[in-house]
Amino acid sequence: MAQPKHNRLWRPTELERKIGQAARLTAEKEAARIPWRQLQKAREVYVDWEAFALWVRAIEDTEGEFPDWLAQAVERRCHGFSEFAVRRKQEQPESPSFLWYHLQRWIDQHIFGKAWREGWMNAVGYFAARDLASVRSHAYCEHCECQWKSSKPASYPSFRNWLKAAKQCDGRVLDEREMGEETRQLLKFGRRVSPRVLRNAVTHYLEWEAFAYWARTALEAGPPLPVSVVREANNRAPGFLQTDAAARATNPQEQPHCRFNRLVDWIEEREFAEATKQGWFDVLLYQVRLHARHARLIDYWHDWEARRTNESSERYPSFSQWRRSADSYTFELDDR
């Protein structure tokens, strides 16, 4: 049996870095004009369907064919796939013969056809592919292909059982796959938290992040704070304004952004102490920064602050008003 390679590190070449930067810019440009809820939902669906395609690929690659039971399982989930695959092979005889390849095309057309037609599929695929769940599914797929080709199993797991095993794959599986060490460690730390708890924590963090960016402009402008900010801060973050005042008294020459950073630290220390204690706070931050709402909040804050600077007499909005505007915000990247 082939011995697994451990801690296989991947480091991008200069060309790969440039290609990656171009791909990210394209994804961000497309994402800017799509409501973040629509975009995030599509990314989550993408990760789920990608896992299904990887399960199919691992089995077909091992068998060297598409077993009848697998074809039936695919057809139950992808109605009309058999006819679709036959038609594609006739229309494109030069295309790969593997049916998992045609399954990916079926998914593109039937699940993400709208995103492709409207020109925002790069915004879906780029960030979904970096989701830790997606990276873990790829690692487990490669592990299964290696193991099954060395010792073909008597029976293959159902997709449900395969996905469950992928979510629980241990460090040995992760060490076999080439990836950056930071990503490998995040995946290992991610075993300390259930997907449901992590998803809820991401939502909770993003809500606090919205509050922090709403308050940021007022905090950095210095006293006196708008009444709406004082009221909301005392309600949501009791004690912060007193802590902030004491810190400013100690260091009156500090830069304005220090107040925003102090609020973020205050939130993280109180609201996410358990994640830090259990060792998955970095996983939380990683997933937050991939989330479509995270980028949109920052984009809206920059735009709103610039407009407010030009309209200094404008009344400071309530948090609920600001959040609604941020959540509905879209823009053309070229206009910024």
Foldseek 3Di string as FASTA:
>chain_A
DDDFAFQAADDDDPVRVVVLVVLVVLLVLLLQFDQQVVLQVLLVVVLVVLLVLLLQVLVCLLVVHRDPVNVVVVCVVQPPLVVQLVVCCVVCVVDDPDSSVSVVVSCCCPVVVVCVVVPNVSNRPSLSCVQLLNVLSVLLSVVSSVVCNVPNDPDDDDSVVSSVCSLQPALRSLRRDHYHPVSSVLSRLSNLDDPVVLVVLLVVLLVLVLLLLLCLLQQLVPPPGDPLNVVVCCVPPNPLVVVLVVVCVVPVPDHSCVSSVSSSVSCCVPVVVVCVVSRNVVNSVVVNVSRSLNVLSVVLSVVVSVVCVVVVVDDRDHSVVSVVCSSRRHDRVVVD
